[in-house]
Amino acid sequence: MENLNVLLSALTQESLPTGLLREAIYLSAIVLFAWLTAWVLGRHAKSESVLFGKQVIDGLMLPLLALLLTYFVTMLLSKQQPVILLKLAVPVLLSLALIRLCARVLMAVFPRSPAAVLTERLVSWLAWGVAVLWITDLLPLVVMEMEQIHLNFGRVKLDLRTLFEGMLSSGLVLVLSLWLSAAIEHRVLSQTVSDLSMRKVAANVLRAVFLLLGLLLALSAVGVDLTALSVLGGALGVGLGLGLQKLAANYVSGFVVLVERSVRIGDHIRVDGVEGQVSDIKTRYTLIRDANGRESIIPNELLITQRVDNFSLSDSAISLQTHVTVALENNVQEVQALLWDALNTVPDVNADPPAQVHFSRFSADGLEFTLQFWVADRLHSRMAVLSKVHAAAWAALESARVALPPPKPFQWANQGAE
């Protein structure tokens, strides 16, 4: 509070003290230098980067670099004159760095998550609240009051300060663990592991290991006896045995599917009456996107216990077919040749296996031909390929003046007759 009072009294004077002007110049130079450094280093960075963010000011590099420089200049300048403004800037920059760290890590690991946005707001309010208490010199008083409040957890007696510091240290360690696992996933696994399923397995295992180690380190730093966690492990085992079998089975099945690669991201599968492309494999469920854009959530246990038709396991190509009917007076061999040439003009139709045109049946309605061809397993392009095939077949038949079947007469049903 003393530094704040001195600053306010200096601002009310007609001319600012020389020492305060020097601090303001140093602080402006520090912020400008930190901004230029972050801008130069982050020009070619990705938009999801934690250090640089989408813009320069919303990344971690700017407040962190400004904080380090401010602290360094404060230590040097304090030997020559009393430091006021720079000391007040330290908690502000520290709060901003913590907010940027939590916000960018949560948005990178959990994109478009409402819980991540809510956590960012809670961290912001908490960080700015602590900064205000620090600047006004009320933080030591609040800490002393928190030490007087004791909470009993069985035989363990903790004061509110220890509990609060444990929550802060645990949260910070968990955020750093998530950042480290995400950095390894984006920078190492994306370049060394080409298979999406194996990359997903490695990312999930790394994240779980880092979170476990971070949580154990945070609990040890607070002073929690890790041997007491054996009770929690026994309770978790009882819970899994009584009511969480399905949840545990889905998690284990997810890792089994990812490791054995029976179902991979991008495969076209059919399971439990749902057919579509696997868009993502989570630890508990699998997302399948059908041709209409609808996504179905399939528990991973079904991929182990039920029959799964994988159309892309050994070959990514799939077979499509359509039917064309012409009039009875046309020559079968000529129509087959026309339709086969039309199929080969469509660039999306695979050359191997070759397309085929079969004379499937004839009736009073005309001659029916079945066009069978292979395309790449791209779910979103099936209707587009069929449209191109139909357009090519219609253009070939029209240019050769192939007669089509006459339209069927429309008959009204006589509902009044008895």
Protein backbone atom coordinates (compact mmCIF):
# COMPACT_ATOMS: atom_id res chain seq x y z
CA MET A 1 0.00 0.00 0.00
CA GLU A 2 2.97 2.29 0.64
CA ASN A 3 4.16 2.09 -2.97
CA LEU A 4 0.66 2.78 -4.24
CA ASN A 5 0.25 5.81 -1.94
CA VAL A 6 3.60 7.20 -3.05
CA LEU A 7 2.64 6.74 -6.69
CA LEU A 8 -0.74 8.44 -6.23
CA SER A 9 0.78 11.36 -4.34
CA ALA A 10 3.43 11.77 -7.06
CA LEU A 11 0.78 11.83 -9.76
CA THR A 12 -1.08 14.65 -8.00
CA GLN A 13 1.97 16.92 -8.07
CA GLU A 14 2.51 19.48 -10.80
CA SER A 15 5.76 17.87 -11.98
CA LEU A 16 6.58 14.18 -11.70
CA PRO A 17 9.73 13.18 -9.82
CA THR A 18 12.74 12.32 -11.94
CA GLY A 19 12.95 8.79 -10.55
CA LEU A 20 9.32 8.05 -11.41
CA LEU A 21 9.77 9.38 -14.95
CA ARG A 22 12.82 7.17 -15.33
CA GLU A 23 10.80 4.14 -14.20
CA ALA A 24 8.00 5.01 -16.65
CA ILE A 25 10.52 5.23 -19.49
CA TYR A 26 12.09 1.92 -18.49
CA LEU A 27 8.69 0.24 -18.26
CA SER A 28 7.61 1.59 -21.68
CA ALA A 29 10.88 0.43 -23.20
CA ILE A 30 10.47 -3.02 -21.62
CA VAL A 31 6.92 -3.45 -22.97
CA LEU A 32 7.97 -2.22 -26.43
CA PHE A 33 11.00 -4.51 -26.52
CA ALA A 34 8.93 -7.49 -25.34
CA TRP A 35 6.28 -6.79 -28.00
CA LEU A 36 8.86 -6.48 -30.80
CA THR A 37 10.64 -9.65 -29.68
CA ALA A 38 7.39 -11.62 -29.50
CA TRP A 39 6.31 -10.26 -32.89
CA VAL A 40 9.61 -11.22 -34.57
CA LEU A 41 9.65 -14.69 -33.04
CA GLY A 42 5.95 -15.36 -33.62
CA ARG A 43 5.53 -14.21 -37.21
CA HIS A 44 5.61 -17.75 -38.57
CA ALA A 45 4.13 -19.51 -35.54
CA LYS A 46 0.87 -21.46 -35.75
CA SER A 47 -2.35 -19.84 -34.54
CA GLU A 48 -2.78 -22.44 -31.77
CA SER A 49 0.68 -21.70 -30.34
CA VAL A 50 0.70 -21.23 -26.58
CA LEU A 51 3.65 -18.85 -26.63
CA PHE A 52 2.36 -16.52 -29.36
CA GLY A 53 -1.38 -17.18 -29.73
CA LYS A 54 -3.43 -15.91 -32.65
CA GLN A 55 -1.88 -12.46 -32.26
CA VAL A 56 1.15 -11.19 -30.43
CA ILE A 57 -0.70 -9.77 -27.43
CA ASP A 58 -2.76 -12.87 -26.60
CA GLY A 59 0.18 -15.26 -26.25
CA LEU A 60 2.34 -16.12 -23.27
CA MET A 61 5.62 -14.75 -24.67
CA LEU A 62 4.77 -11.04 -24.35
CA PRO A 63 3.78 -10.89 -20.62
CA LEU A 64 6.40 -13.49 -19.63
CA LEU A 65 9.25 -11.65 -21.34
CA ALA A 66 8.04 -8.31 -19.97
CA LEU A 67 7.82 -9.83 -16.47
CA LEU A 68 11.38 -11.16 -16.57
CA LEU A 69 12.79 -7.88 -17.90
CA THR A 70 10.85 -5.84 -15.37
CA TYR A 71 12.08 -7.94 -12.47
CA PHE A 72 15.67 -7.73 -13.74
CA VAL A 73 15.53 -3.94 -14.19
CA THR A 74 13.89 -3.59 -10.75
CA MET A 75 16.77 -5.45 -9.10
CA LEU A 76 19.33 -3.22 -10.82
CA LEU A 77 17.50 0.06 -10.35
CA SER A 78 16.76 -0.55 -6.67
CA LYS A 79 20.48 -0.10 -5.92
CA GLN A 80 20.35 3.47 -7.25
CA GLN A 81 16.91 4.81 -6.21
CA PRO A 82 13.62 3.78 -4.61
CA VAL A 83 11.57 1.74 -7.09
CA ILE A 84 7.78 2.25 -7.10
CA LEU A 85 6.24 1.85 -10.54
CA LEU A 86 8.21 -1.23 -11.58
CA LYS A 87 7.33 -3.02 -8.32
CA LEU A 88 3.66 -2.34 -8.98
CA ALA A 89 4.02 -3.66 -12.55
CA VAL A 90 5.42 -7.04 -11.41
CA PRO A 91 2.13 -8.46 -9.97
CA VAL A 92 0.18 -7.13 -12.95
CA LEU A 93 2.49 -8.83 -15.46
CA LEU A 94 2.60 -12.00 -13.36
CA SER A 95 -1.21 -12.20 -13.30
CA LEU A 96 -1.36 -11.59 -17.05
CA ALA A 97 1.22 -14.34 -17.70
CA LEU A 98 -0.70 -16.85 -15.59
CA ILE A 99 -3.96 -15.98 -17.35
CA ARG A 100 -2.36 -16.32 -20.78
CA LEU A 101 -0.74 -19.64 -19.81
CA CYS A 102 -3.97 -21.22 -18.59
CA ALA A 103 -6.09 -19.79 -21.41
CA ARG A 104 -3.83 -20.79 -24.28
CA VAL A 105 -3.07 -24.29 -22.91
CA LEU A 106 -6.74 -25.08 -22.22
CA MET A 107 -7.85 -23.82 -25.64
CA ALA A 108 -5.08 -25.80 -27.36
CA VAL A 109 -5.83 -29.06 -25.52
CA PHE A 110 -9.64 -28.66 -25.30
CA PRO A 111 -10.71 -26.52 -28.28
CA ARG A 112 -14.28 -25.19 -28.34
CA SER A 113 -14.88 -26.44 -24.81
CA PRO A 114 -17.27 -24.44 -22.57
CA ALA A 115 -15.48 -25.81 -19.50
CA ALA A 116 -12.18 -24.39 -20.78
CA VAL A 117 -13.75 -20.94 -21.23
CA LEU A 118 -15.24 -21.09 -17.73
CA THR A 119 -11.90 -22.15 -16.24
CA GLU A 120 -10.18 -19.27 -18.04
CA ARG A 121 -12.60 -16.79 -16.51
CA LEU A 122 -12.16 -18.24 -13.02
CA VAL A 123 -8.37 -18.09 -13.35
CA SER A 124 -8.62 -14.49 -14.58
CA TRP A 125 -10.73 -13.38 -11.63
CA LEU A 126 -8.46 -15.19 -9.18
CA ALA A 127 -5.23 -13.83 -10.69
CA TRP A 128 -6.44 -10.24 -10.82
CA GLY A 129 -7.80 -10.53 -7.27
CA VAL A 130 -4.43 -11.69 -5.95
CA ALA A 131 -2.72 -8.89 -7.92
CA VAL A 132 -4.98 -6.29 -6.33
CA LEU A 133 -4.26 -7.68 -2.85
CA TRP A 134 -0.53 -7.67 -3.64
CA ILE A 135 -0.53 -4.06 -4.85
CA THR A 136 -2.56 -2.81 -1.90
CA ASP A 137 -0.34 -4.74 0.60
CA LEU A 138 -3.40 -6.63 1.85
CA LEU A 139 -2.10 -10.02 0.75
CA PRO A 140 -0.07 -10.69 3.95
CA LEU A 141 -3.13 -9.91 6.08
CA VAL A 142 -5.32 -12.23 4.04
CA VAL A 143 -2.70 -14.98 4.28
CA MET A 144 -2.52 -14.59 8.07
CA GLU A 145 -6.31 -14.87 8.32
CA MET A 146 -6.28 -17.97 6.13
CA GLU A 147 -3.71 -19.58 8.42
CA GLN A 148 -6.14 -19.19 11.34
CA ILE A 149 -8.88 -21.17 9.57
CA HIS A 150 -8.39 -24.92 10.01
CA LEU A 151 -10.19 -27.75 8.25
CA ASN A 152 -10.28 -31.34 9.45
CA PHE A 153 -10.16 -34.24 6.96
CA GLY A 154 -10.37 -37.24 9.24
CA ARG A 155 -7.13 -37.28 11.19
CA VAL A 156 -5.51 -34.74 8.88
CA LYS A 157 -5.76 -31.09 9.95
CA LEU A 158 -5.02 -28.44 7.32
CA ASP A 159 -5.30 -24.67 7.39
CA LEU A 160 -6.97 -22.78 4.58
CA ARG A 161 -3.68 -21.34 3.32
CA THR A 162 -2.11 -24.78 2.83
CA LEU A 163 -5.22 -26.02 1.07
CA PHE A 164 -5.34 -22.97 -1.19
CA GLU A 165 -1.64 -23.21 -2.04
CA GLY A 166 -2.08 -26.92 -2.79
CA MET A 167 -4.93 -26.20 -5.19
CA LEU A 168 -2.90 -23.49 -6.94
CA SER A 169 0.23 -25.62 -7.24
CA SER A 170 -1.80 -28.63 -8.44
CA GLY A 171 -3.58 -26.52 -11.06
CA LEU A 172 -0.31 -24.97 -12.27
CA VAL A 173 1.43 -28.35 -12.49
CA LEU A 174 -1.51 -29.87 -14.36
CA VAL A 175 -1.56 -26.99 -16.85
CA LEU A 176 2.18 -27.35 -17.44
CA SER A 177 1.73 -31.12 -17.89
CA LEU A 178 -0.99 -30.55 -20.47
CA TRP A 179 1.20 -28.02 -22.26
CA LEU A 180 4.16 -30.40 -22.33
CA SER A 181 2.09 -33.31 -23.63
CA ALA A 182 0.44 -31.12 -26.30
CA ALA A 183 3.84 -29.76 -27.39
CA ILE A 184 5.26 -33.28 -27.72
CA GLU A 185 2.18 -34.37 -29.66
CA HIS A 186 2.33 -31.48 -32.15
CA ARG A 187 6.09 -31.21 -32.59
CA VAL A 188 7.35 -34.79 -32.17
CA LEU A 189 4.54 -37.27 -32.75
CA SER A 190 3.10 -35.46 -35.79
CA GLN A 191 6.49 -35.77 -37.54
CA THR A 192 7.62 -39.21 -36.37
CA VAL A 193 4.33 -41.15 -36.28
CA SER A 194 2.39 -41.09 -39.54
CA ASP A 195 -0.49 -43.34 -38.47
CA LEU A 196 -3.27 -41.33 -36.82
CA SER A 197 -4.36 -44.17 -34.55
CA MET A 198 -0.88 -44.80 -33.16
CA ARG A 199 -0.39 -41.06 -32.74
CA LYS A 200 -3.63 -40.97 -30.76
CA VAL A 201 -2.45 -43.82 -28.53
CA ALA A 202 0.89 -42.15 -27.85
CA ALA A 203 -0.76 -38.78 -27.15
CA ASN A 204 -3.27 -40.29 -24.70
CA VAL A 205 -0.58 -42.26 -22.88
CA LEU A 206 1.74 -39.25 -22.65
CA ARG A 207 -1.05 -37.03 -21.36
CA ALA A 208 -2.07 -39.57 -18.72
CA VAL A 209 1.53 -40.10 -17.56
CA PHE A 210 2.30 -36.38 -17.35
CA LEU A 211 -0.94 -35.65 -15.50
CA LEU A 212 -0.26 -38.45 -13.01
CA LEU A 213 3.31 -37.33 -12.39
CA GLY A 214 2.24 -33.71 -12.11
CA LEU A 215 -0.49 -34.54 -9.63
CA LEU A 216 1.90 -36.61 -7.49
CA LEU A 217 4.50 -33.82 -7.52
CA ALA A 218 1.88 -31.23 -6.57
CA LEU A 219 0.59 -33.36 -3.69
CA SER A 220 4.13 -33.98 -2.45
CA ALA A 221 4.90 -30.26 -2.58
CA VAL A 222 1.86 -29.50 -0.41
CA GLY A 223 2.88 -32.15 2.11
CA VAL A 224 0.23 -34.79 1.45
CA ASP A 225 1.33 -38.30 2.38
CA LEU A 226 1.19 -40.32 -0.82
CA THR A 227 0.66 -43.54 1.11
CA ALA A 228 -2.79 -42.26 1.97
CA LEU A 229 -3.68 -42.61 -1.70
CA SER A 230 -3.85 -46.37 -1.22
CA VAL A 231 -7.23 -45.84 0.43
CA LEU A 232 -8.37 -43.89 -2.61
CA GLY A 233 -7.11 -46.69 -4.87
CA GLY A 234 -9.10 -49.26 -2.89
CA ALA A 235 -12.24 -47.12 -3.11
CA LEU A 236 -11.72 -46.72 -6.85
CA GLY A 237 -11.37 -50.48 -7.22
CA VAL A 238 -14.62 -51.05 -5.34
CA GLY A 239 -16.35 -48.46 -7.50
CA LEU A 240 -15.12 -50.12 -10.68
CA GLY A 241 -16.28 -53.49 -9.40
CA LEU A 242 -19.76 -52.28 -8.44
CA GLY A 243 -20.98 -49.65 -10.85
CA LEU A 244 -18.30 -48.50 -13.27
CA GLN A 245 -17.69 -51.66 -15.28
CA LYS A 246 -19.07 -50.15 -18.48
CA LEU A 247 -17.01 -46.99 -18.13
CA ALA A 248 -13.82 -48.96 -17.47
CA ALA A 249 -14.63 -51.35 -20.32
CA ASN A 250 -15.05 -48.44 -22.75
CA TYR A 251 -11.72 -46.91 -21.73
CA VAL A 252 -9.86 -50.21 -22.02
CA SER A 253 -11.58 -51.01 -25.33
CA GLY A 254 -10.54 -47.61 -26.70
CA PHE A 255 -6.87 -48.30 -26.03
CA VAL A 256 -7.18 -51.84 -27.44
CA VAL A 257 -8.75 -50.54 -30.66
CA LEU A 258 -6.07 -47.89 -31.06
CA VAL A 259 -3.20 -50.28 -30.35
CA GLU A 260 -4.29 -53.16 -32.56
CA ARG A 261 -5.47 -50.75 -35.32
CA SER A 262 -8.51 -52.81 -36.24
CA VAL A 263 -10.39 -49.52 -36.62
CA ARG A 264 -8.46 -46.42 -37.61
CA ILE A 265 -9.32 -42.76 -38.00
CA GLY A 266 -10.62 -42.27 -41.54
CA ASP A 267 -11.88 -45.86 -41.99
CA HIS A 268 -15.34 -46.48 -43.39
CA ILE A 269 -17.12 -48.89 -41.03
CA ARG A 270 -20.56 -50.18 -40.10
CA VAL A 271 -21.35 -51.10 -36.49
CA ASP A 272 -24.59 -51.37 -34.53
CA GLY A 273 -26.61 -50.26 -37.56
CA VAL A 274 -24.50 -47.10 -38.07
CA GLU A 275 -22.39 -46.71 -41.23
CA GLY A 276 -19.96 -43.91 -41.88
CA GLN A 277 -16.40 -42.65 -41.62
CA VAL A 278 -14.50 -42.69 -38.33
CA SER A 279 -13.76 -39.03 -37.61
CA ASP A 280 -12.16 -39.48 -34.17
CA ILE A 281 -11.43 -42.17 -31.58
CA LYS A 282 -11.66 -40.96 -28.00
CA THR A 283 -10.69 -42.94 -24.92
CA ARG A 284 -14.36 -43.67 -24.15
CA TYR A 285 -16.20 -43.45 -27.48
CA THR A 286 -15.74 -43.28 -31.24
CA LEU A 287 -17.25 -40.64 -33.53
CA ILE A 288 -18.70 -41.89 -36.84
CA ARG A 289 -19.82 -39.37 -39.47
CA ASP A 290 -22.31 -40.58 -42.08
CA ALA A 291 -22.97 -39.26 -45.59
CA ASN A 292 -25.57 -36.77 -44.30
CA GLY A 293 -23.07 -35.14 -41.94
CA ARG A 294 -24.64 -36.67 -38.83
CA GLU A 295 -22.16 -37.80 -36.18
CA SER A 296 -22.92 -40.85 -34.05
CA ILE A 297 -21.25 -41.56 -30.70
CA ILE A 298 -20.42 -45.27 -30.45
CA PRO A 299 -19.08 -46.66 -27.14
CA ASN A 300 -15.73 -48.32 -27.68
CA GLU A 301 -16.95 -51.53 -26.08
CA LEU A 302 -19.19 -52.17 -29.11
CA LEU A 303 -16.11 -52.16 -31.36
CA ILE A 304 -14.75 -55.11 -29.35
CA THR A 305 -17.86 -57.14 -28.53
CA GLN A 306 -19.91 -56.74 -31.73
CA ARG A 307 -19.34 -57.39 -35.40
CA VAL A 308 -17.72 -54.44 -37.19
CA ASP A 309 -17.70 -54.19 -40.99
CA ASN A 310 -14.57 -52.27 -41.98
CA PHE A 311 -14.63 -51.34 -45.65
CA SER A 312 -11.17 -49.73 -45.48
CA LEU A 313 -9.12 -52.18 -43.43
CA SER A 314 -7.01 -53.68 -46.25
CA ASP A 315 -8.02 -51.44 -49.17
CA SER A 316 -9.36 -47.91 -49.05
CA ALA A 317 -11.26 -48.26 -52.33
CA ILE A 318 -14.99 -49.00 -52.25
CA SER A 319 -17.38 -50.24 -54.93
CA LEU A 320 -20.34 -48.21 -56.17
CA GLN A 321 -22.98 -49.07 -58.70
CA THR A 322 -25.89 -47.46 -60.49
CA HIS A 323 -28.50 -48.53 -63.04
CA VAL A 324 -29.35 -47.22 -66.50
CA THR A 325 -32.44 -48.32 -68.49
CA VAL A 326 -32.83 -47.81 -72.27
CA ALA A 327 -35.50 -48.76 -74.79
CA LEU A 328 -35.86 -52.33 -76.10
CA GLU A 329 -34.91 -51.48 -79.69
CA ASN A 330 -31.31 -50.50 -78.78
CA ASN A 331 -28.30 -52.72 -79.43
CA VAL A 332 -26.97 -54.21 -76.20
CA GLN A 333 -23.28 -54.26 -77.19
CA GLU A 334 -23.35 -50.67 -78.44
CA VAL A 335 -25.00 -49.39 -75.24
CA GLN A 336 -22.51 -51.32 -73.11
CA ALA A 337 -19.59 -49.79 -75.01
CA LEU A 338 -21.04 -46.29 -74.70
CA LEU A 339 -21.56 -46.62 -70.95
CA TRP A 340 -18.10 -48.13 -70.42
CA ASP A 341 -16.46 -45.25 -72.32
CA ALA A 342 -18.51 -42.78 -70.28
CA LEU A 343 -17.33 -44.35 -67.01
CA ASN A 344 -13.69 -44.05 -68.05
CA THR A 345 -14.08 -40.33 -68.69
CA VAL A 346 -14.91 -39.64 -65.03
CA PRO A 347 -11.61 -38.79 -63.27
CA ASP A 348 -12.81 -39.96 -59.82
CA VAL A 349 -13.40 -43.53 -61.03
CA ASN A 350 -10.42 -45.79 -60.29
CA ALA A 351 -8.70 -47.43 -63.22
CA ASP A 352 -7.79 -50.46 -61.10
CA PRO A 353 -9.98 -52.45 -60.62
CA PRO A 354 -11.49 -51.49 -63.98
CA ALA A 355 -15.09 -50.34 -64.31
CA GLN A 356 -17.65 -52.82 -65.61
CA VAL A 357 -21.00 -52.53 -67.36
CA HIS A 358 -23.35 -55.51 -67.05
CA PHE A 359 -26.54 -56.24 -68.92
CA SER A 360 -28.47 -57.03 -65.75
CA ARG A 361 -32.03 -57.68 -67.03
CA PHE A 362 -34.68 -56.89 -69.61
CA SER A 363 -38.41 -56.46 -69.29
CA ALA A 364 -41.30 -54.66 -70.89
CA ASP A 365 -39.91 -51.43 -69.41
CA GLY A 366 -36.63 -51.73 -71.36
CA LEU A 367 -33.04 -52.95 -71.15
CA GLU A 368 -31.39 -52.42 -67.77
CA PHE A 369 -27.61 -52.04 -67.41
CA THR A 370 -25.66 -52.02 -64.13
CA LEU A 371 -22.61 -49.77 -63.94
CA GLN A 372 -20.13 -50.99 -61.32
CA PHE A 373 -16.96 -49.04 -60.51
CA TRP A 374 -14.50 -48.35 -57.71
CA VAL A 375 -13.71 -45.02 -56.06
CA ALA A 376 -11.50 -43.86 -53.21
CA ASP A 377 -13.04 -44.11 -49.76
CA ARG A 378 -13.98 -40.46 -49.33
CA LEU A 379 -17.40 -40.33 -47.75
CA HIS A 380 -18.11 -36.73 -48.65
CA SER A 381 -17.51 -37.32 -52.40
CA ARG A 382 -19.76 -40.33 -53.06
CA MET A 383 -22.77 -38.36 -54.25
CA ALA A 384 -20.49 -36.12 -56.29
CA VAL A 385 -18.97 -39.17 -58.06
CA LEU A 386 -22.40 -40.63 -58.78
CA SER A 387 -23.54 -37.29 -60.15
CA LYS A 388 -20.53 -37.15 -62.49
CA VAL A 389 -21.16 -40.75 -63.62
CA HIS A 390 -24.83 -40.01 -64.34
CA ALA A 391 -23.92 -36.85 -66.26
CA ALA A 392 -21.31 -38.71 -68.35
CA ALA A 393 -23.72 -41.59 -69.09
CA TRP A 394 -26.51 -39.18 -70.08
CA ALA A 395 -24.18 -37.20 -72.34
CA ALA A 396 -22.96 -40.39 -74.06
CA LEU A 397 -26.48 -41.73 -74.62
CA GLU A 398 -27.75 -38.38 -75.85
CA SER A 399 -24.87 -37.90 -78.30
CA ALA A 400 -25.42 -41.42 -79.72
CA ARG A 401 -29.20 -40.80 -79.90
CA VAL A 402 -29.95 -43.89 -77.82
CA ALA A 403 -33.69 -44.26 -77.33
CA LEU A 404 -34.97 -44.24 -73.75
CA PRO A 405 -37.99 -46.14 -72.48
CA PRO A 406 -41.32 -44.38 -72.97
CA PRO A 407 -42.74 -42.81 -69.81
CA LYS A 408 -45.24 -44.90 -67.93
CA PRO A 409 -48.83 -43.66 -68.10
CA PHE A 410 -50.15 -42.32 -64.83
CA GLN A 411 -53.21 -44.18 -63.59
CA TRP A 412 -55.69 -42.80 -61.10
CA ALA A 413 -56.84 -45.23 -58.46
CA ASN A 414 -60.64 -45.47 -58.34
CA GLN A 415 -61.29 -45.29 -54.65
CA GLY A 416 -65.04 -44.76 -55.03
CA ALA A 417 -65.75 -48.12 -56.62
CA GLU A 418 -66.88 -50.90 -54.35
